[in-house]
PDB file of N, CA and C in Angstrom:
ATOM      1  N   MET A   1      38.939 -19.996 188.114  1.00  0.00           N
ATOM      2  CA  MET A   1      38.268 -21.112 188.736  1.00  0.00           C
ATOM      3  C   MET A   1      36.875 -20.717 189.206  1.00  0.00           C
ATOM      4  N   LYS A   2      36.374 -19.644 188.748  1.00  0.00           N
ATOM      5  CA  LYS A   2      35.069 -19.172 189.161  1.00  0.00           C
ATOM      6  C   LYS A   2      33.984 -20.147 188.704  1.00  0.00           C
ATOM      7  N   ASN A   3      33.077 -20.490 189.648  1.00  0.00           N
ATOM      8  CA  ASN A   3      31.946 -21.374 189.380  1.00  0.00           C
ATOM      9  C   ASN A   3      32.341 -22.770 188.914  1.00  0.00           C
ATOM     10  N   ASN A   4      33.462 -23.274 189.361  1.00  0.00           N
ATOM     11  CA  ASN A   4      33.859 -24.643 189.042  1.00  0.00           C
ATOM     12  C   ASN A   4      33.457 -25.557 190.184  1.00  0.00           C
ATOM     13  N   TYR A   5      32.221 -26.050 190.129  1.00  0.00           N
ATOM     14  CA  TYR A   5      31.726 -26.958 191.154  1.00  0.00           C
ATOM     15  C   TYR A   5      32.391 -28.316 191.020  1.00  0.00           C
ATOM     16  N   VAL A   6      32.701 -28.909 192.129  1.00  0.00           N
ATOM     17  CA  VAL A   6      33.052 -30.313 192.196  1.00  0.00           C
ATOM     18  C   VAL A   6      31.849 -31.034 192.787  1.00  0.00           C
ATOM     19  N   MET A   7      31.275 -30.404 193.833  1.00  0.00           N
ATOM     20  CA  MET A   7      30.066 -30.913 194.459  1.00  0.00           C
ATOM     21  C   MET A   7      29.409 -29.790 195.239  1.00  0.00           C
ATOM     22  N   TYR A   8      28.146 -29.979 195.574  1.00  0.00           N
ATOM     23  CA  TYR A   8      27.531 -29.108 196.564  1.00  0.00           C
ATOM     24  C   TYR A   8      26.574 -29.915 197.420  1.00  0.00           C
ATOM     25  N   VAL A   9      26.393 -29.435 198.629  1.00  0.00           N
ATOM     26  CA  VAL A   9      25.617 -30.139 199.638  1.00  0.00           C
ATOM     27  C   VAL A   9      24.345 -29.358 199.921  1.00  0.00           C
ATOM     28  N   CYS A  10      23.228 -30.071 199.996  1.00  0.00           N
ATOM     29  CA  CYS A  10      21.943 -29.469 200.361  1.00  0.00           C
ATOM     30  C   CYS A  10      21.469 -30.133 201.652  1.00  0.00           C
ATOM     31  N   CYS A  11      21.128 -29.313 202.640  1.00  0.00           N
ATOM     32  CA  CYS A  11      20.684 -29.825 203.938  1.00  0.00           C
ATOM     33  C   CYS A  11      19.167 -29.786 204.042  1.00  0.00           C
ATOM     34  N   PHE A  12      18.622 -30.615 204.936  1.00  0.00           N
ATOM     35  CA  PHE A  12      17.179 -30.614 205.176  1.00  0.00           C
ATOM     36  C   PHE A  12      16.709 -29.244 205.643  1.00  0.00           C
ATOM     37  N   ASN A  13      17.478 -28.639 206.582  1.00  0.00           N
ATOM     38  CA  ASN A  13      17.199 -27.271 207.006  1.00  0.00           C
ATOM     39  C   ASN A  13      18.484 -26.674 207.575  1.00  0.00           C
ATOM     40  N   SER A  14      18.519 -25.383 207.706  1.00  0.00           N
ATOM     41  CA  SER A  14      19.744 -24.704 208.120  1.00  0.00           C
ATOM     42  C   SER A  14      20.016 -24.790 209.620  1.00  0.00           C
ATOM     43  N   ILE A  15      19.026 -25.175 210.397  1.00  0.00           N
ATOM     44  CA  ILE A  15      19.205 -25.233 211.847  1.00  0.00           C
ATOM     45  C   ILE A  15      19.947 -26.501 212.256  1.00  0.00           C
ATOM     46  N   GLU A  16      19.483 -27.650 211.792  1.00  0.00           N
ATOM     47  CA  GLU A  16      20.091 -28.916 212.188  1.00  0.00           C
ATOM     48  C   GLU A  16      21.294 -29.289 211.333  1.00  0.00           C
ATOM     49  N   GLU A  17      21.383 -28.752 210.129  1.00  0.00           N
ATOM     50  CA  GLU A  17      22.476 -29.005 209.194  1.00  0.00           C
ATOM     51  C   GLU A  17      22.646 -30.490 208.877  1.00  0.00           C
ATOM     52  N   LYS A  18      21.548 -31.197 208.754  1.00  0.00           N
ATOM     53  CA  LYS A  18      21.592 -32.593 208.337  1.00  0.00           C
ATOM     54  C   LYS A  18      21.556 -32.645 206.819  1.00  0.00           C
ATOM     55  N   ILE A  19      22.425 -33.462 206.244  1.00  0.00           N
ATOM     56  CA  ILE A  19      22.535 -33.527 204.785  1.00  0.00           C
ATOM     57  C   ILE A  19      21.333 -34.243 204.185  1.00  0.00           C
ATOM     58  N   ASN A  20      20.722 -33.613 203.200  1.00  0.00           N
ATOM     59  CA  ASN A  20      19.644 -34.204 202.420  1.00  0.00           C
ATOM     60  C   ASN A  20      20.248 -34.920 201.213  1.00  0.00           C
ATOM     61  N   TYR A  21      21.064 -34.181 200.434  1.00  0.00           N
ATOM     62  CA  TYR A  21      21.728 -34.791 199.280  1.00  0.00           C
ATOM     63  C   TYR A  21      23.001 -34.038 198.940  1.00  0.00           C
ATOM     64  N   ILE A  22      23.851 -34.716 198.154  1.00  0.00           N
ATOM     65  CA  ILE A  22      25.081 -34.119 197.628  1.00  0.00           C
ATOM     66  C   ILE A  22      25.070 -34.320 196.122  1.00  0.00           C
ATOM     67  N   ASN A  23      25.259 -33.245 195.368  1.00  0.00           N
ATOM     68  CA  ASN A  23      25.389 -33.314 193.916  1.00  0.00           C
ATOM     69  C   ASN A  23      26.864 -33.286 193.541  1.00  0.00           C
ATOM     70  N   TYR A  24      27.244 -34.101 192.550  1.00  0.00           N
ATOM     71  CA  TYR A  24      28.623 -34.166 192.052  1.00  0.00           C
ATOM     72  C   TYR A  24      28.639 -33.725 190.587  1.00  0.00           C
ATOM     73  N   PHE A  25      29.693 -33.000 190.217  1.00  0.00           N
ATOM     74  CA  PHE A  25      29.805 -32.449 188.869  1.00  0.00           C
ATOM     75  C   PHE A  25      31.092 -32.911 188.203  1.00  0.00           C
ATOM     76  N   ASN A  26      31.033 -33.086 186.877  1.00  0.00           N
ATOM     77  CA  ASN A  26      32.235 -33.441 186.118  1.00  0.00           C
ATOM     78  C   ASN A  26      32.953 -32.179 185.647  1.00  0.00           C
ATOM     79  N   LYS A  27      34.008 -32.347 184.870  1.00  0.00           N
ATOM     80  CA  LYS A  27      34.804 -31.204 184.407  1.00  0.00           C
ATOM     81  C   LYS A  27      34.023 -30.288 183.473  1.00  0.00           C
ATOM     82  N   GLN A  28      32.984 -30.811 182.842  1.00  0.00           N
ATOM     83  CA  GLN A  28      32.149 -30.004 181.947  1.00  0.00           C
ATOM     84  C   GLN A  28      31.015 -29.308 182.708  1.00  0.00           C
ATOM     85  N   LYS A  29      31.085 -29.346 184.057  1.00  0.00           N
ATOM     86  CA  LYS A  29      30.107 -28.693 184.928  1.00  0.00           C
ATOM     87  C   LYS A  29      28.718 -29.327 184.852  1.00  0.00           C
ATOM     88  N   LYS A  30      28.664 -30.595 184.435  1.00  0.00           N
ATOM     89  CA  LYS A  30      27.397 -31.317 184.343  1.00  0.00           C
ATOM     90  C   LYS A  30      27.252 -32.210 185.565  1.00  0.00           C
ATOM     91  N   LYS A  31      26.055 -32.201 186.145  1.00  0.00           N
ATOM     92  CA  LYS A  31      25.797 -33.069 187.290  1.00  0.00           C
ATOM     93  C   LYS A  31      25.748 -34.506 186.806  1.00  0.00           C
ATOM     94  N   TYR A  32      26.551 -35.378 187.429  1.00  0.00           N
ATOM     95  CA  TYR A  32      26.568 -36.776 187.021  1.00  0.00           C
ATOM     96  C   TYR A  32      26.121 -37.731 188.130  1.00  0.00           C
ATOM     97  N   LYS A  33      26.049 -37.239 189.381  1.00  0.00           N
ATOM     98  CA  LYS A  33      25.644 -38.112 190.475  1.00  0.00           C
ATOM     99  C   LYS A  33      25.026 -37.296 191.597  1.00  0.00           C
ATOM    100  N   ARG A  34      24.040 -37.909 192.256  1.00  0.00           N
ATOM    101  CA  ARG A  34      23.455 -37.317 193.464  1.00  0.00           C
ATOM    102  C   ARG A  34      23.344 -38.429 194.501  1.00  0.00           C
ATOM    103  N   GLU A  35      23.833 -38.147 195.713  1.00  0.00           N
ATOM    104  CA  GLU A  35      23.709 -39.070 196.830  1.00  0.00           C
ATOM    105  C   GLU A  35      22.667 -38.522 197.791  1.00  0.00           C
ATOM    106  N   PHE A  36      21.699 -39.366 198.169  1.00  0.00           N
ATOM    107  CA  PHE A  36      20.644 -38.986 199.108  1.00  0.00           C
ATOM    108  C   PHE A  36      20.920 -39.623 200.471  1.00  0.00           C
ATOM    109  N   PHE A  37      20.570 -38.895 201.528  1.00  0.00           N
ATOM    110  CA  PHE A  37      20.775 -39.364 202.887  1.00  0.00           C
ATOM    111  C   PHE A  37      19.455 -39.304 203.637  1.00  0.00           C
ATOM    112  N   ASP A  38      19.281 -40.224 204.593  1.00  0.00           N
ATOM    113  CA  ASP A  38      18.068 -40.185 205.401  1.00  0.00           C
ATOM    114  C   ASP A  38      18.261 -39.222 206.571  1.00  0.00           C
ATOM    115  N   GLU A  39      17.239 -39.088 207.393  1.00  0.00           N
ATOM    116  CA  GLU A  39      17.285 -38.112 208.482  1.00  0.00           C
ATOM    117  C   GLU A  39      18.285 -38.486 209.575  1.00  0.00           C
ATOM    118  N   PHE A  40      18.807 -39.721 209.525  1.00  0.00           N
ATOM    119  CA  PHE A  40      19.801 -40.151 210.514  1.00  0.00           C
ATOM    120  C   PHE A  40      21.236 -40.044 209.982  1.00  0.00           C
ATOM    121  N   GLY A  41      21.370 -39.591 208.730  1.00  0.00           N
ATOM    122  CA  GLY A  41      22.694 -39.391 208.147  1.00  0.00           C
ATOM    123  C   GLY A  41      23.228 -40.560 207.342  1.00  0.00           C
ATOM    124  N   PHE A  42      22.428 -41.604 207.148  1.00  0.00           N
ATOM    125  CA  PHE A  42      22.867 -42.757 206.363  1.00  0.00           C
ATOM    126  C   PHE A  42      22.595 -42.511 204.881  1.00  0.00           C
ATOM    127  N   LYS A  43      23.564 -42.863 204.043  1.00  0.00           N
ATOM    128  CA  LYS A  43      23.337 -42.761 202.601  1.00  0.00           C
ATOM    129  C   LYS A  43      22.329 -43.833 202.219  1.00  0.00           C
ATOM    130  N   SER A  44      21.243 -43.425 201.576  1.00  0.00           N
ATOM    131  CA  SER A  44      20.187 -44.360 201.211  1.00  0.00           C
ATOM    132  C   SER A  44      20.109 -44.614 199.711  1.00  0.00           C
ATOM    133  N   LEU A  45      20.601 -43.676 198.908  1.00  0.00           N
ATOM    134  CA  LEU A  45      20.448 -43.789 197.458  1.00  0.00           C
ATOM    135  C   LEU A  45      21.563 -43.037 196.747  1.00  0.00           C
ATOM    136  N   GLU A  46      22.089 -43.645 195.691  1.00  0.00           N
ATOM    137  CA  GLU A  46      22.976 -42.958 194.741  1.00  0.00           C
ATOM    138  C   GLU A  46      22.253 -42.959 193.405  1.00  0.00           C
ATOM    139  N   ARG A  47      22.170 -41.808 192.788  1.00  0.00           N
ATOM    140  CA  ARG A  47      21.508 -41.675 191.488  1.00  0.00           C
ATOM    141  C   ARG A  47      22.537 -41.157 190.488  1.00  0.00           C
ATOM    142  N   PHE A  48      22.738 -41.896 189.387  1.00  0.00           N
ATOM    143  CA  PHE A  48      23.698 -41.523 188.358  1.00  0.00           C
ATOM    144  C   PHE A  48      22.963 -40.992 187.138  1.00  0.00           C
ATOM    145  N   LEU A  49      23.498 -39.921 186.567  1.00  0.00           N
ATOM    146  CA  LEU A  49      22.847 -39.240 185.451  1.00  0.00           C
ATOM    147  C   LEU A  49      23.742 -39.229 184.223  1.00  0.00           C
ATOM    148  N   LYS A  50      23.107 -39.212 183.074  1.00  0.00           N
ATOM    149  CA  LYS A  50      23.803 -39.029 181.800  1.00  0.00           C
ATOM    150  C   LYS A  50      22.927 -38.117 180.963  1.00  0.00           C
ATOM    151  N   SER A  51      23.467 -36.992 180.553  1.00  0.00           N
ATOM    152  CA  SER A  51      22.710 -35.989 179.792  1.00  0.00           C
ATOM    153  C   SER A  51      21.448 -35.572 180.540  1.00  0.00           C
ATOM    154  N   GLY A  52      21.533 -35.477 181.857  1.00  0.00           N
ATOM    155  CA  GLY A  52      20.419 -35.032 182.677  1.00  0.00           C
ATOM    156  C   GLY A  52      19.368 -36.084 182.960  1.00  0.00           C
ATOM    157  N   LYS A  53      19.563 -37.305 182.469  1.00  0.00           N
ATOM    158  CA  LYS A  53      18.580 -38.375 182.670  1.00  0.00           C
ATOM    159  C   LYS A  53      19.145 -39.431 183.616  1.00  0.00           C
ATOM    160  N   ILE A  54      18.256 -40.019 184.410  1.00  0.00           N
ATOM    161  CA  ILE A  54      18.665 -41.072 185.335  1.00  0.00           C
ATOM    162  C   ILE A  54      19.006 -42.329 184.546  1.00  0.00           C
ATOM    163  N   VAL A  55      20.207 -42.878 184.786  1.00  0.00           N
ATOM    164  CA  VAL A  55      20.599 -44.118 184.119  1.00  0.00           C
ATOM    165  C   VAL A  55      20.811 -45.258 185.113  1.00  0.00           C
ATOM    166  N   LEU A  56      21.048 -44.912 186.391  1.00  0.00           N
ATOM    167  CA  LEU A  56      21.305 -45.942 187.391  1.00  0.00           C
ATOM    168  C   LEU A  56      20.934 -45.417 188.769  1.00  0.00           C
ATOM    169  N   GLU A  57      20.287 -46.263 189.570  1.00  0.00           N
ATOM    170  CA  GLU A  57      20.014 -45.946 190.966  1.00  0.00           C
ATOM    171  C   GLU A  57      20.476 -47.115 191.816  1.00  0.00           C
ATOM    172  N   LYS A  58      21.180 -46.787 192.908  1.00  0.00           N
ATOM    173  CA  LYS A  58      21.645 -47.796 193.853  1.00  0.00           C
ATOM    174  C   LYS A  58      21.097 -47.459 195.227  1.00  0.00           C
ATOM    175  N   PHE A  59      20.361 -48.409 195.824  1.00  0.00           N
ATOM    176  CA  PHE A  59      19.750 -48.224 197.132  1.00  0.00           C
ATOM    177  C   PHE A  59      20.553 -48.985 198.178  1.00  0.00           C
ATOM    178  N   TYR A  60      20.741 -48.371 199.345  1.00  0.00           N
ATOM    179  CA  TYR A  60      21.568 -48.945 200.400  1.00  0.00           C
ATOM    180  C   TYR A  60      20.769 -49.111 201.690  1.00  0.00           C
ATOM    181  N   ASP A  61      21.166 -50.129 202.488  1.00  0.00           N
ATOM    182  CA  ASP A  61      20.576 -50.255 203.814  1.00  0.00           C
ATOM    183  C   ASP A  61      21.362 -49.382 204.791  1.00  0.00           C
ATOM    184  N   VAL A  62      20.962 -49.361 206.062  1.00  0.00           N
ATOM    185  CA  VAL A  62      21.603 -48.475 207.038  1.00  0.00           C
ATOM    186  C   VAL A  62      23.036 -48.884 207.361  1.00  0.00           C
ATOM    187  N   ASN A  63      23.443 -50.085 206.943  1.00  0.00           N
ATOM    188  CA  ASN A  63      24.828 -50.535 207.137  1.00  0.00           C
ATOM    189  C   ASN A  63      25.704 -50.227 205.922  1.00  0.00           C
ATOM    190  N   GLY A  64      25.126 -49.541 204.926  1.00  0.00           N
ATOM    191  CA  GLY A  64      25.884 -49.158 203.741  1.00  0.00           C
ATOM    192  C   GLY A  64      25.999 -50.245 202.694  1.00  0.00           C
ATOM    193  N   ARG A  65      25.229 -51.324 202.846  1.00  0.00           N
ATOM    194  CA  ARG A  65      25.268 -52.413 201.866  1.00  0.00           C
ATOM    195  C   ARG A  65      24.269 -52.151 200.747  1.00  0.00           C
ATOM    196  N   LEU A  66      24.715 -52.407 199.534  1.00  0.00           N
ATOM    197  CA  LEU A  66      23.860 -52.262 198.358  1.00  0.00           C
ATOM    198  C   LEU A  66      22.764 -53.321 198.421  1.00  0.00           C
ATOM    199  N   ILE A  67      21.511 -52.889 198.295  1.00  0.00           N
ATOM    200  CA  ILE A  67      20.403 -53.843 198.364  1.00  0.00           C
ATOM    201  C   ILE A  67      19.571 -53.898 197.081  1.00  0.00           C
ATOM    202  N   ILE A  68      19.475 -52.797 196.368  1.00  0.00           N
ATOM    203  CA  ILE A  68      18.714 -52.757 195.112  1.00  0.00           C
ATOM    204  C   ILE A  68      19.464 -51.889 194.113  1.00  0.00           C
ATOM    205  N   GLU A  69      19.489 -52.348 192.880  1.00  0.00           N
ATOM    206  CA  GLU A  69      20.098 -51.563 191.807  1.00  0.00           C
ATOM    207  C   GLU A  69      19.101 -51.507 190.656  1.00  0.00           C
ATOM    208  N   LYS A  70      18.785 -50.296 190.216  1.00  0.00           N
ATOM    209  CA  LYS A  70      17.866 -50.096 189.101  1.00  0.00           C
ATOM    210  C   LYS A  70      18.639 -49.486 187.938  1.00  0.00           C
ATOM    211  N   ILE A  71      18.549 -50.116 186.786  1.00  0.00           N
ATOM    212  CA  ILE A  71      19.203 -49.590 185.594  1.00  0.00           C
ATOM    213  C   ILE A  71      18.126 -49.186 184.603  1.00  0.00           C
ATOM    214  N   TYR A  72      18.234 -47.961 184.115  1.00  0.00           N
ATOM    215  CA  TYR A  72      17.227 -47.401 183.222  1.00  0.00           C
ATOM    216  C   TYR A  72      17.730 -47.356 181.788  1.00  0.00           C
ATOM    217  N   ASP A  73      16.785 -47.414 180.887  1.00  0.00           N
ATOM    218  CA  ASP A  73      17.078 -47.237 179.470  1.00  0.00           C
ATOM    219  C   ASP A  73      17.636 -45.831 179.290  1.00  0.00           C
ATOM    220  N   GLU A  74      18.763 -45.703 178.642  1.00  0.00           N
ATOM    221  CA  GLU A  74      19.394 -44.381 178.494  1.00  0.00           C
ATOM    222  C   GLU A  74      18.638 -43.463 177.541  1.00  0.00           C
ATOM    223  N   ILE A  75      17.740 -43.995 176.759  1.00  0.00           N
ATOM    224  CA  ILE A  75      16.972 -43.162 175.831  1.00  0.00           C
ATOM    225  C   ILE A  75      15.776 -42.545 176.544  1.00  0.00           C
ATOM    226  N   GLU A  76      15.072 -43.330 177.344  1.00  0.00           N
ATOM    227  CA  GLU A  76      13.904 -42.856 178.094  1.00  0.00           C
ATOM    228  C   GLU A  76      14.137 -43.106 179.573  1.00  0.00           C
ATOM    229  N   THR A  77      14.173 -42.056 180.387  1.00  0.00           N
ATOM    230  CA  THR A  77      14.452 -42.243 181.808  1.00  0.00           C
ATOM    231  C   THR A  77      13.321 -42.968 182.521  1.00  0.00           C
ATOM    232  N   THR A  78      12.131 -42.939 181.969  1.00  0.00           N
ATOM    233  CA  THR A  78      11.016 -43.595 182.646  1.00  0.00           C
ATOM    234  C   THR A  78      10.987 -45.096 182.391  1.00  0.00           C
ATOM    235  N   ASP A  79      11.751 -45.579 181.424  1.00  0.00           N
ATOM    236  CA  ASP A  79      11.765 -47.005 181.118  1.00  0.00           C
ATOM    237  C   ASP A  79      12.837 -47.706 181.941  1.00  0.00           C
ATOM    238  N   LEU A  80      12.388 -48.538 182.857  1.00  0.00           N
ATOM    239  CA  LEU A  80      13.294 -49.300 183.695  1.00  0.00           C
ATOM    240  C   LEU A  80      13.742 -50.513 182.910  1.00  0.00           C
ATOM    241  N   ALA A  81      15.043 -50.657 182.705  1.00  0.00           N
ATOM    242  CA  ALA A  81      15.571 -51.778 181.932  1.00  0.00           C
ATOM    243  C   ALA A  81      15.584 -53.048 182.775  1.00  0.00           C
ATOM    244  N   TYR A  82      16.148 -52.982 183.994  1.00  0.00           N
ATOM    245  CA  TYR A  82      16.083 -54.110 184.909  1.00  0.00           C
ATOM    246  C   TYR A  82      16.460 -53.704 186.318  1.00  0.00           C
ATOM    247  N   ILE A  83      16.086 -54.587 187.264  1.00  0.00           N
ATOM    248  CA  ILE A  83      16.364 -54.377 188.688  1.00  0.00           C
ATOM    249  C   ILE A  83      17.155 -55.576 189.195  1.00  0.00           C
ATOM    250  N   THR A  84      18.156 -55.310 190.014  1.00  0.00           N
ATOM    251  CA  THR A  84      18.907 -56.363 190.683  1.00  0.00           C
ATOM    252  C   THR A  84      18.689 -56.219 192.175  1.00  0.00           C
ATOM    253  N   LEU A  85      18.298 -57.316 192.831  1.00  0.00           N
ATOM    254  CA  LEU A  85      18.140 -57.348 194.273  1.00  0.00           C
ATOM    255  C   LEU A  85      19.330 -58.105 194.853  1.00  0.00           C
ATOM    256  N   TYR A  86      19.963 -57.524 195.875  1.00  0.00           N
ATOM    257  CA  TYR A  86      21.128 -58.143 196.484  1.00  0.00           C
ATOM    258  C   TYR A  86      20.757 -58.711 197.840  1.00  0.00           C
ATOM    259  N   GLU A  87      21.244 -59.923 198.114  1.00  0.00           N
ATOM    260  CA  GLU A  87      21.035 -60.528 199.424  1.00  0.00           C
ATOM    261  C   GLU A  87      22.204 -60.180 200.314  1.00  0.00           C
ATOM    262  N   ASN A  88      21.925 -59.920 201.569  1.00  0.00           N
ATOM    263  CA  ASN A  88      22.992 -59.568 202.502  1.00  0.00           C
ATOM    264  C   ASN A  88      23.441 -60.763 203.284  1.00  0.00           C
TER     265      ASN A  88
END
């Protein structure tokens, strides 16, 4: 089971131990998701990857509600396919 990541956590700094982001890995040891947190500990963004490229981003408000969803073209990560705005 050596080097079998499920996830790892990166903090803003080692003194305060506030989470900056969490990376998630699949069984093939490929990163498939990263969750970002703000300085107050609220999850602000989920980023989903496929073959190392961004395919989906979900933005959240401080209450954990989805507010914006960005879906990218799977061929080119820089090409935004569409955005969905959610009303709360």
